[in-house]
N, C-alpha and C. Protein backbone atom coordinates (compact mmCIF):
# COMPACT_ATOMS: atom_id res chain seq x y z
N MET A 1 0.83 -1.18 0.00
CA MET A 1 0.00 0.00 0.00
C MET A 1 0.87 1.24 0.00
N ALA A 2 0.27 2.34 -0.29
CA ALA A 2 1.03 3.59 -0.36
C ALA A 2 1.69 3.90 0.97
N ALA A 3 1.03 3.58 2.08
CA ALA A 3 1.61 3.88 3.40
C ALA A 3 2.92 3.16 3.61
N THR A 4 3.02 1.93 3.10
CA THR A 4 4.26 1.17 3.22
C THR A 4 5.39 1.87 2.51
N ALA A 5 5.13 2.34 1.28
CA ALA A 5 6.16 3.03 0.51
C ALA A 5 6.54 4.35 1.17
N VAL A 6 5.56 5.06 1.73
CA VAL A 6 5.85 6.33 2.38
C VAL A 6 6.75 6.11 3.59
N ARG A 7 6.46 5.04 4.37
CA ARG A 7 7.32 4.75 5.52
C ARG A 7 8.74 4.46 5.07
N TYR A 8 8.87 3.72 3.94
CA TYR A 8 10.22 3.45 3.42
C TYR A 8 10.92 4.74 3.03
N LEU A 9 10.24 5.61 2.31
CA LEU A 9 10.85 6.86 1.87
C LEU A 9 11.28 7.71 3.05
N ARG A 10 10.45 7.75 4.09
CA ARG A 10 10.84 8.51 5.27
C ARG A 10 12.08 7.92 5.93
N SER A 11 12.19 6.57 5.88
CA SER A 11 13.31 5.92 6.55
C SER A 11 14.64 6.25 5.88
N VAL A 12 14.61 6.56 4.59
CA VAL A 12 15.86 6.89 3.88
C VAL A 12 15.98 8.38 3.63
N GLY A 13 15.08 9.16 4.19
CA GLY A 13 15.19 10.62 4.10
C GLY A 13 14.73 11.21 2.80
N ALA A 14 13.97 10.46 1.98
CA ALA A 14 13.48 10.99 0.70
C ALA A 14 12.18 11.74 0.93
N PRO A 15 11.92 12.80 0.12
CA PRO A 15 10.68 13.55 0.28
C PRO A 15 9.48 12.73 -0.15
N THR A 16 8.34 12.95 0.48
CA THR A 16 7.09 12.32 0.09
C THR A 16 6.04 13.39 -0.07
N THR A 17 4.94 12.99 -0.68
CA THR A 17 3.84 13.94 -0.87
C THR A 17 2.79 13.79 0.22
N ALA A 18 3.04 12.92 1.21
CA ALA A 18 2.07 12.74 2.29
C ALA A 18 2.01 13.99 3.15
N ALA A 19 0.85 14.29 3.71
CA ALA A 19 0.70 15.46 4.57
C ALA A 19 1.53 15.31 5.82
N ALA A 20 2.16 16.40 6.25
CA ALA A 20 3.01 16.34 7.44
C ALA A 20 2.13 16.22 8.68
N PRO A 21 2.52 15.36 9.66
CA PRO A 21 1.73 15.23 10.88
C PRO A 21 1.86 16.48 11.73
N ALA A 22 0.92 16.66 12.66
CA ALA A 22 0.94 17.83 13.53
C ALA A 22 2.22 17.85 14.35
N THR A 23 2.64 16.70 14.86
CA THR A 23 3.89 16.58 15.60
C THR A 23 4.84 15.73 14.77
N PRO A 24 5.98 16.26 14.35
CA PRO A 24 6.88 15.48 13.50
C PRO A 24 7.27 14.17 14.16
N ALA A 25 7.14 13.09 13.42
CA ALA A 25 7.50 11.78 13.95
C ALA A 25 8.99 11.55 13.76
N ALA A 26 9.57 10.81 14.69
CA ALA A 26 10.99 10.48 14.58
C ALA A 26 11.18 9.56 13.38
N PRO A 27 12.20 9.81 12.54
CA PRO A 27 12.41 8.95 11.36
C PRO A 27 12.75 7.53 11.77
N LEU A 28 12.34 6.59 10.91
CA LEU A 28 12.69 5.21 11.15
C LEU A 28 14.18 5.01 10.93
N PRO A 29 14.78 4.00 11.57
CA PRO A 29 16.21 3.77 11.37
C PRO A 29 16.51 3.48 9.90
N ARG A 30 17.61 4.03 9.41
CA ARG A 30 18.00 3.75 8.03
C ARG A 30 18.38 2.28 7.90
N PRO A 31 17.78 1.55 6.91
CA PRO A 31 18.12 0.14 6.77
C PRO A 31 19.60 -0.06 6.48
N ALA A 32 20.17 -1.10 7.08
CA ALA A 32 21.57 -1.42 6.84
C ALA A 32 21.74 -1.79 5.37
N LEU A 33 22.87 -1.39 4.79
CA LEU A 33 23.09 -1.65 3.37
C LEU A 33 23.27 -3.13 3.10
N ARG A 34 23.90 -3.83 4.05
CA ARG A 34 24.23 -5.22 3.81
C ARG A 34 23.33 -6.14 4.62
N ALA A 35 23.02 -7.32 4.02
CA ALA A 35 22.11 -8.25 4.66
C ALA A 35 22.81 -9.13 5.68
N VAL A 36 24.16 -9.25 5.61
CA VAL A 36 24.90 -10.08 6.55
C VAL A 36 26.08 -9.27 7.08
N ARG A 37 26.58 -9.69 8.23
CA ARG A 37 27.74 -9.03 8.83
C ARG A 37 29.00 -9.44 8.07
N GLU A 38 30.05 -8.62 8.19
CA GLU A 38 31.28 -8.88 7.45
C GLU A 38 31.84 -10.26 7.76
N GLY A 39 31.74 -10.69 9.03
CA GLY A 39 32.28 -11.99 9.41
C GLY A 39 31.52 -13.16 8.81
N GLU A 40 30.31 -12.92 8.32
CA GLU A 40 29.51 -13.99 7.72
C GLU A 40 29.63 -14.02 6.21
N ARG A 41 30.40 -13.11 5.67
CA ARG A 41 30.46 -12.94 4.23
C ARG A 41 31.36 -13.99 3.58
N ALA A 42 30.84 -14.66 2.55
CA ALA A 42 31.65 -15.64 1.82
C ALA A 42 32.68 -14.92 0.95
N PRO A 43 33.88 -15.50 0.79
CA PRO A 43 34.93 -14.84 0.00
C PRO A 43 34.66 -14.98 -1.50
N LEU A 44 33.66 -14.22 -2.00
CA LEU A 44 33.28 -14.33 -3.40
C LEU A 44 33.78 -13.14 -4.19
N ASP A 45 34.26 -13.42 -5.40
CA ASP A 45 34.63 -12.36 -6.32
C ASP A 45 33.36 -11.88 -7.02
N PRO A 46 33.06 -10.57 -6.98
CA PRO A 46 31.82 -10.08 -7.60
C PRO A 46 31.69 -10.45 -9.08
N ALA A 47 32.80 -10.42 -9.81
CA ALA A 47 32.74 -10.77 -11.24
C ALA A 47 32.35 -12.24 -11.42
N ALA A 48 32.90 -13.10 -10.58
CA ALA A 48 32.56 -14.52 -10.65
C ALA A 48 31.10 -14.74 -10.27
N PHE A 49 30.63 -14.00 -9.27
CA PHE A 49 29.24 -14.09 -8.85
C PHE A 49 28.31 -13.76 -10.02
N ARG A 50 28.58 -12.64 -10.68
CA ARG A 50 27.75 -12.23 -11.82
C ARG A 50 27.82 -13.26 -12.95
N SER A 51 29.00 -13.76 -13.21
CA SER A 51 29.18 -14.69 -14.32
C SER A 51 28.39 -15.98 -14.10
N VAL A 52 28.49 -16.52 -12.90
CA VAL A 52 27.79 -17.77 -12.61
C VAL A 52 26.28 -17.57 -12.63
N LEU A 53 25.81 -16.51 -11.98
CA LEU A 53 24.37 -16.27 -11.92
C LEU A 53 23.77 -15.92 -13.28
N SER A 54 24.61 -15.44 -14.22
CA SER A 54 24.09 -15.10 -15.55
C SER A 54 23.64 -16.33 -16.32
N HIS A 55 24.01 -17.52 -15.85
CA HIS A 55 23.58 -18.74 -16.53
C HIS A 55 22.12 -19.06 -16.24
N PHE A 56 21.52 -18.35 -15.29
CA PHE A 56 20.10 -18.53 -15.02
C PHE A 56 19.31 -17.62 -15.95
N ALA A 57 18.61 -18.22 -16.91
CA ALA A 57 17.81 -17.43 -17.85
C ALA A 57 16.54 -16.93 -17.16
N SER A 58 16.17 -15.69 -17.46
CA SER A 58 14.98 -15.13 -16.85
C SER A 58 14.15 -14.40 -17.90
N GLY A 59 12.89 -14.16 -17.58
CA GLY A 59 12.07 -13.29 -18.39
C GLY A 59 12.46 -11.85 -18.12
N VAL A 60 11.87 -10.93 -18.87
CA VAL A 60 12.18 -9.51 -18.74
C VAL A 60 10.86 -8.74 -18.62
N THR A 61 10.84 -7.77 -17.71
CA THR A 61 9.65 -6.96 -17.51
C THR A 61 10.01 -5.48 -17.50
N VAL A 62 9.00 -4.65 -17.62
CA VAL A 62 9.13 -3.22 -17.35
C VAL A 62 8.14 -2.89 -16.23
N VAL A 63 8.65 -2.39 -15.12
CA VAL A 63 7.82 -2.01 -13.99
C VAL A 63 7.50 -0.51 -14.12
N THR A 64 6.22 -0.17 -14.11
CA THR A 64 5.80 1.22 -14.33
C THR A 64 4.92 1.70 -13.18
N ALA A 65 4.83 3.03 -13.05
CA ALA A 65 3.95 3.63 -12.05
C ALA A 65 3.54 5.01 -12.54
N PRO A 66 2.36 5.47 -12.13
CA PRO A 66 1.96 6.84 -12.48
C PRO A 66 2.77 7.83 -11.68
N GLY A 67 2.87 9.05 -12.15
CA GLY A 67 3.65 10.04 -11.42
C GLY A 67 3.37 11.45 -11.86
N ASP A 68 4.03 12.37 -11.19
CA ASP A 68 3.90 13.78 -11.49
C ASP A 68 5.31 14.36 -11.54
N PRO A 69 5.76 14.91 -12.68
CA PRO A 69 4.95 15.34 -13.83
C PRO A 69 4.66 14.25 -14.85
N GLY A 70 5.31 13.12 -14.76
CA GLY A 70 5.08 12.07 -15.74
C GLY A 70 5.28 10.70 -15.12
N PRO A 71 4.94 9.64 -15.85
CA PRO A 71 5.06 8.29 -15.31
C PRO A 71 6.51 7.86 -15.13
N ALA A 72 6.71 6.82 -14.33
CA ALA A 72 8.04 6.29 -14.06
C ALA A 72 8.08 4.83 -14.50
N GLY A 73 9.27 4.35 -14.85
CA GLY A 73 9.39 2.96 -15.23
C GLY A 73 10.84 2.54 -15.37
N PHE A 74 11.09 1.25 -15.20
CA PHE A 74 12.45 0.72 -15.40
C PHE A 74 12.37 -0.74 -15.80
N ALA A 75 13.39 -1.19 -16.54
CA ALA A 75 13.47 -2.59 -16.95
C ALA A 75 13.89 -3.44 -15.76
N CYS A 76 13.27 -4.61 -15.63
CA CYS A 76 13.51 -5.44 -14.45
C CYS A 76 13.43 -6.92 -14.84
N GLN A 77 14.50 -7.66 -14.58
CA GLN A 77 14.47 -9.10 -14.82
C GLN A 77 14.24 -9.88 -13.53
N SER A 78 14.44 -9.23 -12.37
CA SER A 78 14.29 -9.93 -11.09
C SER A 78 12.85 -9.79 -10.59
N PHE A 79 11.94 -10.47 -11.29
CA PHE A 79 10.52 -10.46 -10.96
C PHE A 79 10.06 -11.89 -10.78
N ALA A 80 9.14 -12.12 -9.85
CA ALA A 80 8.65 -13.48 -9.62
C ALA A 80 7.28 -13.45 -8.97
N SER A 81 6.54 -14.54 -9.16
CA SER A 81 5.32 -14.78 -8.41
C SER A 81 5.72 -15.16 -6.99
N LEU A 82 4.97 -14.69 -6.01
CA LEU A 82 5.33 -14.95 -4.61
C LEU A 82 4.28 -15.76 -3.88
N SER A 83 2.99 -15.44 -4.06
CA SER A 83 1.94 -16.10 -3.28
C SER A 83 0.66 -16.14 -4.10
N LEU A 84 -0.08 -17.25 -3.97
CA LEU A 84 -1.37 -17.37 -4.64
C LEU A 84 -2.50 -16.83 -3.77
N ASP A 85 -2.42 -17.07 -2.45
CA ASP A 85 -3.46 -16.63 -1.54
C ASP A 85 -2.82 -16.04 -0.27
N PRO A 86 -2.72 -14.70 -0.18
CA PRO A 86 -3.24 -13.71 -1.12
C PRO A 86 -2.35 -13.61 -2.36
N PRO A 87 -2.87 -13.03 -3.43
CA PRO A 87 -2.07 -12.95 -4.66
C PRO A 87 -0.98 -11.90 -4.53
N LEU A 88 0.27 -12.35 -4.47
CA LEU A 88 1.41 -11.46 -4.30
C LEU A 88 2.46 -11.75 -5.35
N VAL A 89 3.14 -10.69 -5.79
CA VAL A 89 4.31 -10.82 -6.66
C VAL A 89 5.45 -10.02 -6.02
N THR A 90 6.64 -10.21 -6.53
CA THR A 90 7.79 -9.48 -5.99
C THR A 90 8.75 -9.10 -7.10
N PHE A 91 9.45 -7.99 -6.92
CA PHE A 91 10.55 -7.64 -7.79
C PHE A 91 11.65 -7.02 -6.94
N MET A 92 12.86 -7.06 -7.45
CA MET A 92 14.01 -6.50 -6.76
C MET A 92 14.52 -5.28 -7.53
N VAL A 93 14.92 -4.26 -6.80
CA VAL A 93 15.41 -3.03 -7.42
C VAL A 93 16.63 -2.55 -6.64
N ALA A 94 17.63 -2.04 -7.35
CA ALA A 94 18.85 -1.56 -6.70
C ALA A 94 18.52 -0.38 -5.79
N ARG A 95 19.18 -0.34 -4.64
CA ARG A 95 18.96 0.77 -3.71
C ARG A 95 19.39 2.10 -4.31
N THR A 96 20.24 2.06 -5.33
CA THR A 96 20.71 3.28 -5.97
C THR A 96 19.78 3.76 -7.09
N SER A 97 18.72 3.02 -7.37
CA SER A 97 17.81 3.38 -8.47
C SER A 97 17.20 4.75 -8.23
N THR A 98 17.20 5.58 -9.27
CA THR A 98 16.56 6.89 -9.18
C THR A 98 15.07 6.81 -9.55
N THR A 99 14.65 5.69 -10.16
CA THR A 99 13.25 5.52 -10.52
C THR A 99 12.44 4.98 -9.34
N TRP A 100 13.05 4.11 -8.52
CA TRP A 100 12.32 3.50 -7.43
C TRP A 100 11.63 4.51 -6.50
N PRO A 101 12.28 5.60 -6.06
CA PRO A 101 11.57 6.52 -5.16
C PRO A 101 10.28 7.06 -5.77
N ARG A 102 10.23 7.25 -7.08
CA ARG A 102 9.01 7.73 -7.73
C ARG A 102 7.92 6.66 -7.69
N ILE A 103 8.30 5.39 -7.85
CA ILE A 103 7.33 4.31 -7.74
C ILE A 103 6.86 4.17 -6.30
N ALA A 104 7.78 4.31 -5.37
CA ALA A 104 7.42 4.21 -3.95
C ALA A 104 6.42 5.29 -3.56
N ARG A 105 6.63 6.51 -4.07
CA ARG A 105 5.70 7.59 -3.75
C ARG A 105 4.30 7.30 -4.32
N ALA A 106 4.25 6.68 -5.49
CA ALA A 106 2.96 6.35 -6.09
C ALA A 106 2.23 5.28 -5.28
N GLY A 107 3.00 4.36 -4.68
CA GLY A 107 2.39 3.29 -3.88
C GLY A 107 1.78 2.17 -4.70
N VAL A 108 1.93 2.25 -6.02
CA VAL A 108 1.35 1.26 -6.93
C VAL A 108 2.34 1.02 -8.08
N PHE A 109 2.12 -0.08 -8.81
CA PHE A 109 2.95 -0.34 -9.99
C PHE A 109 2.27 -1.36 -10.87
N CYS A 110 2.71 -1.41 -12.12
CA CYS A 110 2.25 -2.42 -13.07
C CYS A 110 3.47 -3.11 -13.65
N VAL A 111 3.47 -4.44 -13.61
CA VAL A 111 4.54 -5.23 -14.21
C VAL A 111 4.11 -5.59 -15.62
N ASN A 112 4.88 -5.13 -16.60
CA ASN A 112 4.62 -5.41 -18.01
C ASN A 112 5.59 -6.50 -18.48
N VAL A 113 5.07 -7.67 -18.76
CA VAL A 113 5.91 -8.79 -19.20
C VAL A 113 6.18 -8.63 -20.69
N LEU A 114 7.45 -8.59 -21.06
CA LEU A 114 7.81 -8.28 -22.45
C LEU A 114 7.85 -9.53 -23.33
N GLY A 115 7.51 -9.31 -24.61
CA GLY A 115 7.56 -10.38 -25.60
C GLY A 115 8.87 -10.40 -26.34
N ALA A 116 9.08 -11.45 -27.12
CA ALA A 116 10.36 -11.68 -27.79
C ALA A 116 10.78 -10.55 -28.70
N ALA A 117 9.82 -9.79 -29.26
CA ALA A 117 10.15 -8.72 -30.20
C ALA A 117 10.33 -7.37 -29.52
N GLN A 118 10.35 -7.33 -28.19
CA GLN A 118 10.37 -6.05 -27.48
C GLN A 118 11.71 -5.75 -26.81
N GLY A 119 12.78 -6.23 -27.42
CA GLY A 119 14.11 -5.96 -26.90
C GLY A 119 14.46 -4.48 -26.88
N GLU A 120 14.10 -3.76 -27.95
CA GLU A 120 14.40 -2.33 -28.00
C GLU A 120 13.60 -1.56 -26.97
N LEU A 121 12.37 -1.98 -26.73
CA LEU A 121 11.56 -1.36 -25.68
C LEU A 121 12.24 -1.53 -24.33
N CYS A 122 12.75 -2.71 -24.09
CA CYS A 122 13.45 -2.98 -22.84
C CYS A 122 14.68 -2.10 -22.70
N ARG A 123 15.45 -1.97 -23.76
CA ARG A 123 16.66 -1.14 -23.71
C ARG A 123 16.32 0.31 -23.38
N GLY A 124 15.20 0.78 -23.90
CA GLY A 124 14.79 2.15 -23.62
C GLY A 124 14.51 2.38 -22.15
N PHE A 125 13.97 1.37 -21.48
CA PHE A 125 13.66 1.50 -20.06
C PHE A 125 14.84 1.10 -19.17
N ALA A 126 15.90 0.57 -19.76
CA ALA A 126 17.07 0.17 -18.97
C ALA A 126 18.04 1.32 -18.75
N VAL A 127 17.91 2.41 -19.51
CA VAL A 127 18.82 3.53 -19.36
C VAL A 127 18.37 4.42 -18.20
N SER A 128 19.30 5.19 -17.67
CA SER A 128 19.00 6.10 -16.57
C SER A 128 18.76 7.51 -17.12
N GLY A 129 17.71 8.16 -16.64
CA GLY A 129 17.42 9.53 -17.06
C GLY A 129 16.67 9.58 -18.37
N GLY A 130 16.29 10.79 -18.76
CA GLY A 130 15.56 10.99 -20.00
C GLY A 130 14.10 10.59 -19.88
N ASP A 131 13.36 10.82 -20.94
CA ASP A 131 11.95 10.46 -20.98
C ASP A 131 11.82 9.06 -21.57
N LYS A 132 11.71 8.06 -20.70
CA LYS A 132 11.65 6.68 -21.16
C LYS A 132 10.36 6.37 -21.89
N PHE A 133 9.33 7.18 -21.69
CA PHE A 133 8.03 6.92 -22.31
C PHE A 133 7.85 7.62 -23.65
N ALA A 134 8.87 8.35 -24.11
CA ALA A 134 8.77 9.05 -25.39
C ALA A 134 8.56 8.04 -26.52
N GLY A 135 7.48 8.20 -27.25
CA GLY A 135 7.19 7.32 -28.36
C GLY A 135 6.64 5.96 -27.98
N VAL A 136 6.39 5.74 -26.70
CA VAL A 136 5.88 4.45 -26.22
C VAL A 136 4.37 4.53 -26.03
N SER A 137 3.66 3.57 -26.59
CA SER A 137 2.20 3.53 -26.46
C SER A 137 1.82 2.82 -25.17
N TYR A 138 0.91 3.44 -24.42
CA TYR A 138 0.45 2.80 -23.18
C TYR A 138 -0.89 3.40 -22.78
N GLY A 139 -1.56 2.70 -21.89
CA GLY A 139 -2.82 3.17 -21.32
C GLY A 139 -2.83 2.86 -19.84
N PRO A 140 -3.84 3.32 -19.11
CA PRO A 140 -3.87 3.09 -17.66
C PRO A 140 -4.29 1.66 -17.31
N ALA A 141 -3.57 1.04 -16.40
CA ALA A 141 -4.01 -0.25 -15.87
C ALA A 141 -5.30 -0.04 -15.07
N PRO A 142 -6.19 -1.02 -15.06
CA PRO A 142 -7.55 -0.77 -14.54
C PRO A 142 -7.65 -0.47 -13.06
N ALA A 143 -6.79 -1.05 -12.23
CA ALA A 143 -6.94 -0.87 -10.79
C ALA A 143 -6.18 0.34 -10.26
N THR A 144 -4.97 0.57 -10.76
CA THR A 144 -4.11 1.60 -10.17
C THR A 144 -3.83 2.77 -11.10
N GLY A 145 -4.12 2.63 -12.39
CA GLY A 145 -3.79 3.69 -13.33
C GLY A 145 -2.34 3.70 -13.75
N SER A 146 -1.56 2.72 -13.31
CA SER A 146 -0.16 2.63 -13.75
C SER A 146 -0.10 2.36 -15.24
N PRO A 147 0.95 2.83 -15.92
CA PRO A 147 1.03 2.61 -17.37
C PRO A 147 1.07 1.12 -17.74
N ARG A 148 0.13 0.72 -18.55
CA ARG A 148 0.11 -0.63 -19.12
C ARG A 148 0.59 -0.51 -20.55
N LEU A 149 1.77 -1.01 -20.84
CA LEU A 149 2.38 -0.84 -22.15
C LEU A 149 1.61 -1.62 -23.21
N ALA A 150 1.57 -1.05 -24.40
CA ALA A 150 0.86 -1.68 -25.50
C ALA A 150 1.60 -2.92 -25.99
N ASP A 151 0.83 -3.91 -26.39
CA ASP A 151 1.35 -5.12 -27.06
C ASP A 151 2.27 -5.96 -26.19
N VAL A 152 2.11 -5.91 -24.88
CA VAL A 152 2.87 -6.83 -24.03
C VAL A 152 2.05 -8.10 -23.85
N PRO A 153 2.71 -9.26 -23.73
CA PRO A 153 1.97 -10.52 -23.59
C PRO A 153 1.15 -10.60 -22.31
N ALA A 154 1.62 -9.96 -21.23
CA ALA A 154 0.90 -10.04 -19.96
C ALA A 154 1.22 -8.83 -19.11
N TRP A 155 0.32 -8.50 -18.19
CA TRP A 155 0.52 -7.38 -17.27
C TRP A 155 -0.10 -7.73 -15.92
N ILE A 156 0.51 -7.19 -14.85
CA ILE A 156 0.06 -7.43 -13.49
C ILE A 156 0.01 -6.09 -12.77
N ASP A 157 -1.18 -5.68 -12.34
CA ASP A 157 -1.44 -4.37 -11.75
C ASP A 157 -1.47 -4.52 -10.22
N CYS A 158 -0.63 -3.77 -9.50
CA CYS A 158 -0.41 -4.04 -8.08
C CYS A 158 -0.38 -2.79 -7.21
N THR A 159 -0.65 -2.99 -5.93
CA THR A 159 -0.36 -2.00 -4.90
C THR A 159 0.83 -2.51 -4.10
N ILE A 160 1.64 -1.59 -3.60
CA ILE A 160 2.81 -1.99 -2.81
C ILE A 160 2.35 -2.46 -1.43
N GLN A 161 2.74 -3.68 -1.07
CA GLN A 161 2.35 -4.23 0.23
C GLN A 161 3.49 -4.16 1.24
N ALA A 162 4.72 -4.37 0.79
CA ALA A 162 5.86 -4.35 1.72
C ALA A 162 7.14 -4.07 0.94
N VAL A 163 8.12 -3.54 1.65
CA VAL A 163 9.45 -3.30 1.09
C VAL A 163 10.47 -3.81 2.10
N HIS A 164 11.35 -4.71 1.66
CA HIS A 164 12.36 -5.28 2.55
C HIS A 164 13.75 -4.97 2.02
N THR A 165 14.71 -4.90 2.92
CA THR A 165 16.10 -4.70 2.54
C THR A 165 16.74 -6.04 2.20
N GLY A 166 17.45 -6.09 1.08
CA GLY A 166 18.17 -7.30 0.68
C GLY A 166 19.54 -6.93 0.16
N GLY A 167 20.47 -6.65 1.08
CA GLY A 167 21.81 -6.27 0.66
C GLY A 167 21.79 -4.94 -0.07
N ASP A 168 22.34 -4.91 -1.29
CA ASP A 168 22.37 -3.67 -2.06
C ASP A 168 21.11 -3.47 -2.90
N HIS A 169 20.10 -4.32 -2.69
CA HIS A 169 18.82 -4.20 -3.37
C HIS A 169 17.68 -4.08 -2.36
N LEU A 170 16.52 -3.70 -2.87
CA LEU A 170 15.29 -3.73 -2.10
C LEU A 170 14.37 -4.79 -2.69
N ILE A 171 13.66 -5.50 -1.81
CA ILE A 171 12.71 -6.53 -2.22
C ILE A 171 11.32 -5.94 -2.06
N VAL A 172 10.66 -5.70 -3.17
CA VAL A 172 9.34 -5.06 -3.17
C VAL A 172 8.27 -6.12 -3.35
N VAL A 173 7.31 -6.15 -2.45
CA VAL A 173 6.19 -7.10 -2.53
C VAL A 173 4.94 -6.33 -2.94
N GLY A 174 4.27 -6.80 -3.97
CA GLY A 174 3.06 -6.15 -4.44
C GLY A 174 1.86 -7.07 -4.35
N ARG A 175 0.73 -6.51 -3.94
CA ARG A 175 -0.53 -7.26 -3.94
C ARG A 175 -1.21 -7.06 -5.28
N VAL A 176 -1.56 -8.14 -5.94
CA VAL A 176 -2.14 -8.08 -7.27
C VAL A 176 -3.61 -7.65 -7.18
N GLU A 177 -3.92 -6.55 -7.87
CA GLU A 177 -5.28 -6.02 -7.90
C GLU A 177 -6.00 -6.36 -9.20
N ALA A 178 -5.24 -6.54 -10.27
CA ALA A 178 -5.81 -6.89 -11.57
C ALA A 178 -4.68 -7.44 -12.43
N LEU A 179 -5.01 -8.23 -13.42
CA LEU A 179 -4.00 -8.78 -14.32
C LEU A 179 -4.66 -9.27 -15.60
N GLY A 180 -3.86 -9.48 -16.62
CA GLY A 180 -4.44 -9.93 -17.88
C GLY A 180 -3.37 -10.28 -18.89
N THR A 181 -3.81 -10.81 -20.02
CA THR A 181 -2.90 -11.20 -21.10
C THR A 181 -3.42 -10.68 -22.42
N ASP A 182 -2.54 -10.64 -23.40
CA ASP A 182 -2.89 -10.31 -24.79
C ASP A 182 -2.50 -11.54 -25.62
N PRO A 183 -3.46 -12.40 -25.95
CA PRO A 183 -3.14 -13.64 -26.66
C PRO A 183 -2.35 -13.42 -27.95
N ALA A 184 -2.68 -12.35 -28.68
CA ALA A 184 -1.97 -12.08 -29.94
C ALA A 184 -0.51 -11.77 -29.67
N ALA A 185 -0.24 -10.92 -28.65
CA ALA A 185 1.14 -10.59 -28.32
C ALA A 185 1.88 -11.79 -27.78
N ALA A 186 1.18 -12.68 -27.08
CA ALA A 186 1.82 -13.85 -26.48
C ALA A 186 2.28 -14.85 -27.53
N GLU A 187 1.75 -14.74 -28.75
CA GLU A 187 2.13 -15.67 -29.82
C GLU A 187 3.63 -15.59 -30.13
N THR A 188 4.24 -14.42 -29.90
CA THR A 188 5.66 -14.27 -30.22
C THR A 188 6.56 -14.97 -29.21
N GLY A 189 6.00 -15.36 -28.07
CA GLY A 189 6.81 -15.95 -27.02
C GLY A 189 7.45 -14.88 -26.15
N PRO A 190 8.13 -15.28 -25.07
CA PRO A 190 8.70 -14.32 -24.12
C PRO A 190 10.05 -13.77 -24.56
N LEU A 191 10.37 -12.58 -24.06
CA LEU A 191 11.72 -12.06 -24.18
C LEU A 191 12.53 -12.63 -23.02
N LEU A 192 13.66 -13.24 -23.32
CA LEU A 192 14.50 -13.86 -22.29
C LEU A 192 15.83 -13.12 -22.18
N PHE A 193 16.43 -13.21 -21.00
CA PHE A 193 17.75 -12.62 -20.77
C PHE A 193 18.65 -13.71 -20.24
N HIS A 194 19.80 -13.92 -20.93
CA HIS A 194 20.70 -15.01 -20.56
C HIS A 194 22.14 -14.62 -20.89
N ARG A 195 23.00 -14.64 -19.90
CA ARG A 195 24.42 -14.34 -20.06
C ARG A 195 24.65 -13.00 -20.77
N GLY A 196 23.90 -12.00 -20.34
CA GLY A 196 24.10 -10.65 -20.82
C GLY A 196 23.49 -10.33 -22.17
N ALA A 197 22.66 -11.23 -22.70
CA ALA A 197 22.06 -10.99 -24.02
C ALA A 197 20.60 -11.40 -24.02
N PHE A 198 19.82 -10.81 -24.94
CA PHE A 198 18.44 -11.18 -25.11
C PHE A 198 18.35 -12.45 -25.95
N GLY A 199 17.30 -13.22 -25.71
CA GLY A 199 17.04 -14.41 -26.50
C GLY A 199 15.56 -14.66 -26.54
N HIS A 200 15.15 -15.79 -27.11
CA HIS A 200 13.74 -16.15 -27.16
C HIS A 200 13.58 -17.62 -26.97
N PHE A 201 12.36 -18.01 -26.69
CA PHE A 201 12.04 -19.42 -26.39
C PHE A 201 11.59 -20.11 -27.66
N SER A 202 12.18 -21.28 -27.93
CA SER A 202 11.78 -22.07 -29.09
C SER A 202 11.28 -23.42 -28.60
N PRO A 203 9.96 -23.66 -28.62
CA PRO A 203 9.41 -24.92 -28.11
C PRO A 203 9.84 -26.10 -28.96
């Protein structure tokens, strides 16, 4: 919910659009950057970590949210289904992301699952800064009004339920309010990401 995102923003000192309370509340403790203590840390080389984990192929999404003066969005491969009852999904975002605070302020988001032919669309949302929505067709998702991109195989419209710290990333949990598919767009198959490159599924 929006209140969850507002509490997170206050904890890291980011501005919110929520009305100020009559008596200023003490800020929440800033979340620790790391999920484990130094003594618990495995002696891993970051390059080796990335290389090994890149062998896990994943789908690709664009996470969007409404905003002022304009909508926000970023490319995200770390997305997953979390719970059936209640219906929950999750995605991970870097703590350094400049787009995440805008999504947190909105308190809602839409996950747009990309199809095999939407690699360029993904690249547009993977860059930092600029107007990522320039030339992109979209409409409002039914429950939250978040941008639902045109011609995506599937979309999941959510409210933010919880935000957890996970090392140098944040783990965002969303409650699904609406979802749907485009059978015609799904015919192309999914856009996949594997070892630093896009690919597609061949049954």
